[in-house]
Protein backbone atom coordinates (compact mmCIF):
# COMPACT_ATOMS: atom_id res chain seq x y z
CA MET A 1 2.94 -3.78 30.18
CA THR A 2 3.90 -6.13 27.38
CA ALA A 3 1.74 -6.67 24.33
CA GLY A 4 0.95 -10.23 25.46
CA ALA A 5 -0.25 -9.03 28.89
CA ARG A 6 -2.71 -6.64 27.24
CA LEU A 7 -4.56 -9.41 25.34
CA ARG A 8 -8.15 -9.81 26.47
CA ARG A 9 -8.91 -13.18 24.80
CA ALA A 10 -7.45 -15.84 22.56
CA LEU A 11 -6.07 -14.61 19.26
CA GLU A 12 -8.09 -15.34 16.13
CA VAL A 13 -6.01 -14.94 12.98
CA PRO A 14 -8.00 -13.11 10.30
CA THR A 15 -7.61 -13.62 6.56
CA VAL A 16 -5.36 -11.31 4.55
CA GLY A 17 -5.59 -10.26 0.97
CA VAL A 18 -3.61 -7.94 -1.25
CA GLU A 19 -4.32 -5.66 -4.23
CA GLU A 20 -1.32 -4.66 -6.38
CA GLU A 21 -1.43 -1.94 -9.02
CA PHE A 22 1.12 -2.32 -11.79
CA LEU A 23 2.40 0.09 -14.44
CA LEU A 24 2.44 -1.19 -18.00
CA VAL A 25 5.50 -0.08 -20.01
CA ASP A 26 6.37 -0.57 -23.68
CA ARG A 27 8.94 -3.35 -24.10
CA HIS A 28 11.19 -1.17 -26.34
CA SER A 29 10.77 2.47 -25.24
CA ARG A 30 10.16 1.59 -21.51
CA LEU A 31 7.50 4.36 -21.44
CA PRO A 32 4.08 3.87 -19.89
CA VAL A 33 1.59 2.67 -22.50
CA GLY A 34 -2.15 2.68 -22.41
CA ARG A 35 -2.71 -0.99 -23.30
CA ALA A 36 -4.35 -2.07 -20.00
CA PRO A 37 -7.87 -2.59 -21.47
CA GLY A 38 -6.61 -5.28 -23.85
CA VAL A 39 -4.15 -6.74 -21.33
CA VAL A 40 -6.80 -7.00 -18.66
CA LYS A 41 -9.32 -8.54 -21.09
CA GLU A 42 -6.70 -11.23 -22.01
CA ALA A 43 -5.78 -11.91 -18.38
CA SER A 44 -9.41 -12.09 -17.28
CA ASP A 45 -9.79 -15.30 -19.20
CA VAL A 46 -7.74 -16.88 -16.41
CA LEU A 47 -8.25 -14.54 -13.48
CA GLY A 48 -11.85 -13.30 -13.98
CA GLU A 49 -12.68 -10.23 -11.91
CA ARG A 50 -9.33 -10.59 -9.98
CA VAL A 51 -7.70 -8.45 -12.67
CA GLN A 52 -9.03 -5.04 -13.34
CA THR A 53 -8.38 -1.81 -15.17
CA GLU A 54 -7.56 1.23 -13.06
CA PHE A 55 -7.92 5.00 -13.38
CA PHE A 56 -5.34 5.26 -16.16
CA THR A 57 -5.08 3.00 -19.26
CA SER A 58 -1.39 2.27 -18.40
CA GLN A 59 -2.31 0.65 -15.07
CA ALA A 60 -3.56 -2.81 -14.23
CA GLU A 61 -4.64 -4.11 -10.83
CA VAL A 62 -4.61 -7.73 -9.55
CA CYS A 63 -6.31 -8.95 -6.42
CA THR A 64 -5.50 -12.02 -4.34
CA ARG A 65 -8.13 -14.21 -2.70
CA PRO A 66 -8.41 -13.96 1.09
CA ALA A 67 -5.62 -16.16 2.38
CA ARG A 68 -5.13 -17.95 5.73
CA SER A 69 -1.35 -18.49 5.45
CA LEU A 70 1.61 -16.58 3.94
CA PRO A 71 2.55 -19.50 1.60
CA GLU A 72 -0.93 -19.46 0.20
CA LEU A 73 -0.76 -15.64 -0.22
CA ARG A 74 2.62 -15.78 -1.81
CA ALA A 75 1.56 -18.46 -4.28
CA ASP A 76 -1.40 -16.33 -5.32
CA LEU A 77 0.71 -13.23 -5.72
CA VAL A 78 3.16 -15.11 -7.93
CA HIS A 79 0.27 -16.59 -10.02
CA LEU A 80 -1.39 -13.26 -10.51
CA ARG A 81 1.87 -11.61 -11.70
CA ALA A 82 2.63 -14.49 -14.07
CA VAL A 83 -0.77 -14.34 -15.71
CA LEU A 84 -0.48 -10.53 -16.08
CA ARG A 85 2.99 -10.86 -17.51
CA GLU A 86 1.84 -13.32 -20.14
CA ALA A 87 -1.08 -11.11 -21.10
CA ALA A 88 1.11 -8.05 -21.29
CA ALA A 89 3.67 -9.86 -23.51
CA GLY A 90 0.96 -10.34 -26.07
CA ALA A 91 0.54 -6.55 -26.18
CA ASP A 92 4.33 -6.05 -26.42
CA CYS A 93 4.49 -4.46 -22.93
CA ARG A 94 5.61 -5.44 -19.46
CA PRO A 95 4.13 -4.98 -16.00
CA VAL A 96 6.44 -3.07 -13.75
CA GLY A 97 6.28 -2.97 -9.92
CA THR A 98 6.89 0.72 -9.19
CA ALA A 99 4.79 3.40 -7.61
CA MET A 100 5.71 6.07 -10.18
CA PRO A 101 6.92 5.92 -13.83
CA VAL A 102 10.71 6.13 -13.88
CA ILE A 103 10.60 7.76 -17.25
CA ALA A 104 7.74 9.53 -19.09
CA ASP A 105 7.06 11.38 -22.37
CA GLY A 106 5.78 14.54 -20.76
CA HIS A 107 2.14 13.98 -21.93
CA PRO A 108 -0.77 13.45 -19.50
CA PRO A 109 -1.67 9.82 -19.05
CA THR A 110 -4.89 8.63 -20.67
CA ILE A 111 -7.84 8.06 -18.35
CA THR A 112 -9.72 4.76 -18.68
CA ASP A 113 -13.02 5.14 -20.54
CA SER A 114 -15.44 5.03 -17.63
CA ALA A 115 -18.25 7.43 -16.68
CA ARG A 116 -17.10 7.38 -13.06
CA TYR A 117 -13.40 8.05 -13.89
CA ARG A 118 -14.39 10.90 -16.25
CA ARG A 119 -16.45 12.53 -13.40
CA ILE A 120 -13.57 12.16 -10.95
CA SER A 121 -11.12 13.71 -13.56
CA GLU A 122 -13.37 16.66 -13.96
CA HIS A 123 -13.73 16.97 -10.20
CA VAL A 124 -10.02 16.95 -9.32
CA GLY A 125 -8.76 18.80 -12.43
CA ALA A 126 -5.06 18.98 -13.15
CA VAL A 127 -4.29 16.51 -10.33
CA ALA A 128 -5.58 13.78 -12.60
CA THR A 129 -4.06 15.15 -15.77
CA SER A 130 -0.54 15.85 -14.62
CA PRO A 131 2.18 13.99 -16.60
CA GLU A 132 3.29 12.68 -13.11
CA GLY A 133 -0.28 11.69 -12.15
CA LEU A 134 0.36 7.92 -12.44
CA VAL A 135 0.69 6.40 -9.01
CA CYS A 136 0.52 2.74 -8.11
CA GLY A 137 -0.12 1.40 -4.64
CA CYS A 138 -0.30 -1.88 -2.81
CA HIS A 139 -3.31 -2.28 -0.49
CA VAL A 140 -3.57 -4.91 2.29
CA HIS A 141 -6.99 -6.09 3.46
CA VAL A 142 -7.40 -7.82 6.82
CA GLY A 143 -10.67 -9.56 7.52
CA VAL A 144 -12.77 -7.75 10.10
CA PRO A 145 -16.55 -8.61 9.67
CA CYS A 146 -17.87 -5.75 11.88
CA ARG A 147 -17.38 -2.10 10.81
CA ALA A 148 -17.43 -0.94 14.38
CA ARG A 149 -14.47 -3.23 15.19
CA ALA A 150 -12.72 -2.27 12.01
CA LEU A 151 -12.85 1.36 13.03
CA ALA A 152 -11.72 0.54 16.59
CA LEU A 153 -8.77 -1.36 15.13
CA ASN A 154 -8.06 1.48 12.73
CA ASN A 155 -7.85 3.93 15.63
CA ARG A 156 -5.17 1.75 17.19
CA MET A 157 -3.15 0.96 14.10
CA ARG A 158 -2.77 4.54 12.88
CA PRO A 159 0.46 5.52 14.51
CA TRP A 160 2.16 2.32 13.43
CA LEU A 161 1.47 2.61 9.76
CA PRO A 162 4.32 5.07 8.88
CA ILE A 163 6.75 2.27 9.85
CA VAL A 164 4.99 -0.08 7.45
CA GLN A 165 5.21 2.55 4.71
CA ALA A 166 8.96 3.01 5.32
CA LEU A 167 9.52 -0.67 4.47
CA ALA A 168 7.64 -0.38 1.15
CA VAL A 169 9.07 2.85 -0.38
CA ASN A 170 9.57 2.27 -4.07
CA SER A 171 9.35 5.57 -6.08
CA PRO A 172 12.51 7.68 -5.85
CA PHE A 173 12.39 8.55 -9.54
CA SER A 174 9.62 10.25 -11.50
CA ALA A 175 9.67 11.28 -15.18
CA GLY A 176 13.40 10.99 -15.52
CA ARG A 177 14.61 12.63 -12.36
CA ASP A 178 15.54 11.73 -8.77
CA THR A 179 12.94 13.38 -6.58
CA GLY A 180 15.00 13.18 -3.43
CA TYR A 181 12.24 11.16 -1.82
CA ALA A 182 12.19 7.40 -1.26
CA SER A 183 8.43 7.50 -2.03
CA TRP A 184 7.54 10.34 -4.36
CA ARG A 185 4.14 8.61 -4.75
CA HIS A 186 3.34 9.73 -1.18
CA ALA A 187 4.12 13.37 -1.90
CA PHE A 188 2.19 13.40 -5.14
CA TYR A 189 -0.79 11.42 -3.99
CA ARG A 190 -1.42 13.85 -1.11
CA ARG A 191 -2.83 16.23 -3.74
CA TRP A 192 -5.96 14.10 -4.03
CA PRO A 193 -8.89 14.82 -1.72
CA THR A 194 -9.05 12.84 1.57
CA VAL A 195 -5.56 11.33 1.11
CA GLY A 196 -3.89 11.18 4.56
CA PRO A 197 -4.07 9.52 7.91
CA ALA A 198 -7.50 8.26 8.89
CA PRO A 199 -9.19 10.37 11.59
CA ARG A 200 -10.07 8.71 14.90
CA LEU A 201 -13.68 7.66 14.44
CA ASP A 202 -16.34 5.41 15.89
CA GLU A 203 -19.21 4.12 13.66
CA PRO A 204 -21.55 7.08 14.08
CA GLY A 205 -18.57 9.43 13.63
CA TYR A 206 -17.60 7.60 10.45
CA ARG A 207 -21.07 7.83 8.94
CA ALA A 208 -21.27 11.54 9.85
CA THR A 209 -17.81 12.32 8.41
CA VAL A 210 -18.37 10.50 5.13
CA GLY A 211 -21.81 12.06 4.84
CA GLY A 212 -20.34 15.48 5.41
CA LEU A 213 -17.67 14.94 2.71
CA LEU A 214 -20.36 13.85 0.26
CA ASP A 215 -22.66 16.82 1.14
CA ALA A 216 -19.78 19.30 0.82
CA GLY A 217 -18.82 17.86 -2.61
CA VAL A 218 -15.30 16.97 -1.50
CA ILE A 219 -15.88 13.35 -2.65
CA LEU A 220 -18.25 12.04 -5.29
CA ASP A 221 -18.83 8.67 -3.71
CA THR A 222 -17.68 6.59 -0.73
CA ALA A 223 -14.95 4.93 -2.82
CA MET A 224 -13.16 8.29 -2.82
CA ILE A 225 -12.30 7.89 0.86
CA TYR A 226 -8.54 7.54 0.23
CA TRP A 227 -7.33 7.52 3.89
CA TYR A 228 -4.25 5.44 4.56
CA SER A 229 -6.49 2.93 6.28
CA ARG A 230 -10.23 2.63 6.01
CA PRO A 231 -13.01 0.07 6.37
CA SER A 232 -13.68 -1.29 2.91
CA GLU A 233 -16.91 -0.35 1.23
CA HIS A 234 -17.26 -3.59 -0.73
CA VAL A 235 -15.69 -6.37 1.42
CA PRO A 236 -15.65 -6.93 5.19
CA THR A 237 -12.07 -5.76 5.83
CA LEU A 238 -9.86 -3.07 7.08
CA GLU A 239 -7.87 -1.79 4.14
CA VAL A 240 -4.31 -0.47 4.74
CA ARG A 241 -3.14 1.71 1.72
CA VAL A 242 0.28 3.06 2.74
CA ALA A 243 2.55 0.90 0.64
CA ASP A 244 4.11 1.67 -2.80
CA THR A 245 3.72 -1.15 -5.32
CA SER A 246 6.84 -3.30 -5.08
CA ALA A 247 8.66 -5.19 -7.78
CA ASP A 248 9.92 -7.65 -5.18
CA VAL A 249 7.07 -9.97 -4.09
CA ASP A 250 8.84 -10.59 -0.84
CA THR A 251 8.35 -6.94 0.17
CA THR A 252 4.66 -7.27 -0.50
CA LEU A 253 4.53 -10.41 1.52
CA LEU A 254 6.39 -8.73 4.47
CA VAL A 255 4.02 -5.81 4.50
CA ALA A 256 1.03 -8.09 4.42
CA ALA A 257 2.37 -10.26 7.27
CA LEU A 258 3.20 -7.28 9.49
CA VAL A 259 -0.21 -5.60 8.86
CA ARG A 260 -2.03 -8.83 9.71
CA GLY A 261 0.17 -9.54 12.73
CA LEU A 262 -0.49 -6.08 14.16
CA ALA A 263 -4.21 -6.31 13.46
CA THR A 264 -4.41 -9.79 15.04
CA THR A 265 -2.73 -8.53 18.22
CA MET A 266 -4.87 -5.40 18.49
CA LEU A 267 -8.17 -7.10 17.63
CA ALA A 268 -7.57 -9.47 20.58
CA GLU A 269 -7.00 -6.47 22.91
CA LEU A 270 -10.27 -4.74 22.03
CA PRO A 271 -13.12 -4.95 24.52
CA GLU A 272 -16.26 -6.81 23.55
CA ASP A 273 -17.96 -3.43 22.93
CA PRO A 274 -15.64 -1.69 20.42
CA VAL A 275 -17.17 1.70 21.21
CA ALA A 276 -15.50 1.43 24.61
CA ALA A 277 -12.02 0.96 22.99
CA GLY A 278 -9.68 3.87 23.66
CA PRO A 279 -6.48 4.65 21.76
CA ASP A 280 -3.58 2.20 21.96
CA VAL A 281 -1.32 4.92 23.31
CA PRO A 282 -3.26 8.00 24.50
CA GLY A 283 -1.65 11.26 23.53
CA ALA A 284 0.95 9.81 21.16
CA ASP A 285 -1.27 9.41 18.07
CA THR A 286 -2.42 12.88 17.02
CA THR A 287 -3.27 13.10 13.32
CA ALA A 288 -0.70 15.91 12.84
CA MET A 289 2.07 13.83 14.36
CA ILE A 290 1.11 10.76 12.32
CA ASP A 291 0.98 12.90 9.18
CA ALA A 292 4.51 14.12 9.90
CA ALA A 293 5.72 10.56 10.52
CA HIS A 294 4.35 9.49 7.15
CA TRP A 295 6.30 12.41 5.48
CA SER A 296 9.53 11.26 7.14
CA ALA A 297 8.88 7.63 5.98
CA ALA A 298 8.33 8.88 2.45
CA LEU A 299 11.50 10.91 2.46
CA CYS A 300 14.02 8.42 3.81
CA GLY A 301 12.38 5.01 4.05
CA ILE A 302 14.21 2.90 6.69
CA ASN A 303 17.34 4.93 6.36
CA GLY A 304 16.22 7.92 8.37
CA ASN A 305 14.30 8.71 11.53
CA GLY A 306 10.70 8.46 12.50
CA ALA A 307 8.33 8.96 15.42
CA ASP A 308 8.06 6.29 18.16
CA PRO A 309 4.30 5.39 17.99
CA VAL A 310 4.24 5.03 21.80
CA THR A 311 6.29 7.97 23.03
CA GLY A 312 6.22 10.29 20.05
CA ARG A 313 10.02 10.74 20.33
CA VAL A 314 12.23 10.71 17.31
CA ALA A 315 14.18 7.43 16.75
CA PRO A 316 16.03 5.69 13.97
CA MET A 317 13.52 4.04 11.63
CA ARG A 318 15.35 0.69 11.86
CA HIS A 319 14.78 0.70 15.60
CA LEU A 320 11.12 1.52 15.02
CA VAL A 321 10.87 -1.46 12.64
CA ASP A 322 12.05 -3.64 15.55
CA LEU A 323 9.34 -2.05 17.77
CA LEU A 324 6.77 -2.84 15.11
CA VAL A 325 7.73 -6.49 14.95
CA GLU A 326 7.63 -6.75 18.70
CA ARG A 327 4.23 -5.08 18.86
CA ALA A 328 2.90 -7.50 16.26
CA ARG A 329 4.65 -10.50 17.81
CA PRO A 330 1.49 -12.10 19.42
CA GLY A 331 -0.31 -12.03 16.14
CA LEU A 332 2.66 -13.20 14.17
CA GLU A 333 3.12 -16.12 16.61
CA ALA A 334 -0.56 -17.03 16.39
CA ALA A 335 -0.25 -17.18 12.61
CA GLY A 336 3.05 -19.01 12.59
CA ASP A 337 4.70 -16.11 10.79
CA VAL A 338 7.54 -15.04 13.10
CA GLY A 339 10.27 -16.97 11.21
CA THR A 340 9.05 -15.85 7.82
CA VAL A 341 8.92 -12.20 8.86
CA ARG A 342 12.45 -12.39 10.34
CA GLN A 343 13.71 -13.93 7.12
CA LEU A 344 11.93 -11.40 4.87
CA LEU A 345 13.03 -8.46 7.00
CA ALA A 346 16.67 -9.62 6.98
CA GLY A 347 16.51 -9.90 3.15
CA LEU A 348 15.08 -6.36 2.81
CA CYS A 349 17.63 -4.84 5.17
CA THR A 350 20.39 -6.49 3.17
CA ALA A 351 19.21 -5.73 -0.31
CA GLY A 352 17.68 -2.40 0.60
CA THR A 353 14.13 -1.04 0.07
CA GLY A 354 12.74 -0.73 -3.46
CA ALA A 355 13.90 2.89 -3.52
CA ASP A 356 17.47 1.84 -2.57
CA ARG A 357 17.52 -0.79 -5.29
CA GLN A 358 16.21 1.60 -7.95
CA ARG A 359 18.94 4.08 -7.11
CA ALA A 360 21.56 1.35 -7.15
CA ALA A 361 20.41 0.17 -10.60
CA PHE A 362 20.69 3.79 -11.88
CA ALA A 363 24.11 4.35 -10.27
CA ARG A 364 25.70 1.46 -12.28
CA ARG A 365 25.52 3.24 -15.64
CA GLY A 366 23.44 6.39 -15.06
CA ARG A 367 20.60 5.11 -17.27
CA TYR A 368 16.94 5.22 -16.27
CA GLY A 369 16.17 2.51 -18.75
CA ASP A 370 18.27 0.18 -16.59
CA VAL A 371 16.05 0.89 -13.64
CA VAL A 372 12.92 0.04 -15.70
CA ASP A 373 14.53 -3.15 -16.90
CA GLU A 374 15.52 -4.19 -13.36
CA LEU A 375 12.03 -3.46 -11.99
CA ALA A 376 10.36 -5.39 -14.80
CA ALA A 377 12.75 -8.36 -14.21
CA LEU A 378 12.01 -8.36 -10.52
CA THR A 379 8.26 -8.20 -11.11
CA ALA A 380 8.43 -11.04 -13.71
CA GLY A 381 10.80 -13.17 -11.59
CA ALA A 382 8.45 -13.32 -8.55
């Protein structure tokens, strides 16, 4: 049965928004620097609450408005980066779109002065104080006003998210070494509690699971649900959290388009009562298999193999990318995004993923500083 034949009603295209976390590096040493509080304060004169500090003082996060179209989303992404770049320049630093610091000085990063962040740091211990603890992600929000429908959608999207992750890998280097991964962020971030594929849950199951995690002391609050996809606790969306932060804004746009296209398609397939919604592909979406697929995506990006979300069989990741686009096609067509996605995907396959481009920058002269400079230029040139 084709994706189109499964649709139960007309497709309604939801809004899409993006959060990007950037690393701040000193303009001269290229090392991470804890100047985010001042940079964020400066940028907030223009952006207000759409620019924020993060867990570490060397990180800054920018948030788009909910967008109806990809041109609208792209314009907002470019604007946010430009404002952050100007604010950072005043502090003699640069925002860099990478998921891990390419070089580091071996000292633990400084945690932002916040009561909540201090509590979290005490809770997770050395995970938060490791010199490699800096991780920056890109989170895509799709508008879903009802939590029950967001969870039903989440249950169906889970096995497709490793393919999205493979497109956005952008952390092969960490602290001056090649890790062997395309996304070392994935491997390191797994050390935090709750990081991993979302379990299959309906709304009562979600409430019980989160309540159990709180009661057991695994998490301190609901914002510490770090699943790769989750209903947002503060806005009516499903939040997809698998992507590394990208220096190339087109990669961010491609990830957002594919996530929304897939969500649009699957939302239209859900029954009126989301509790009655079964899995998209029964038997092919066990949490263990999805977890393994995410590891494969982190290791090789689009240059290796992955698990077919429908059959579970191993297949080349580039073939799985084609399957993802086909699965999302009804939603992409409804939004008018098919041509843009084709163009962005062709560009990514030609230039390589962020991880490929970082390694190419290093290979030219064997200097990690060159990698940082190229990442900063790509981030600034959005």
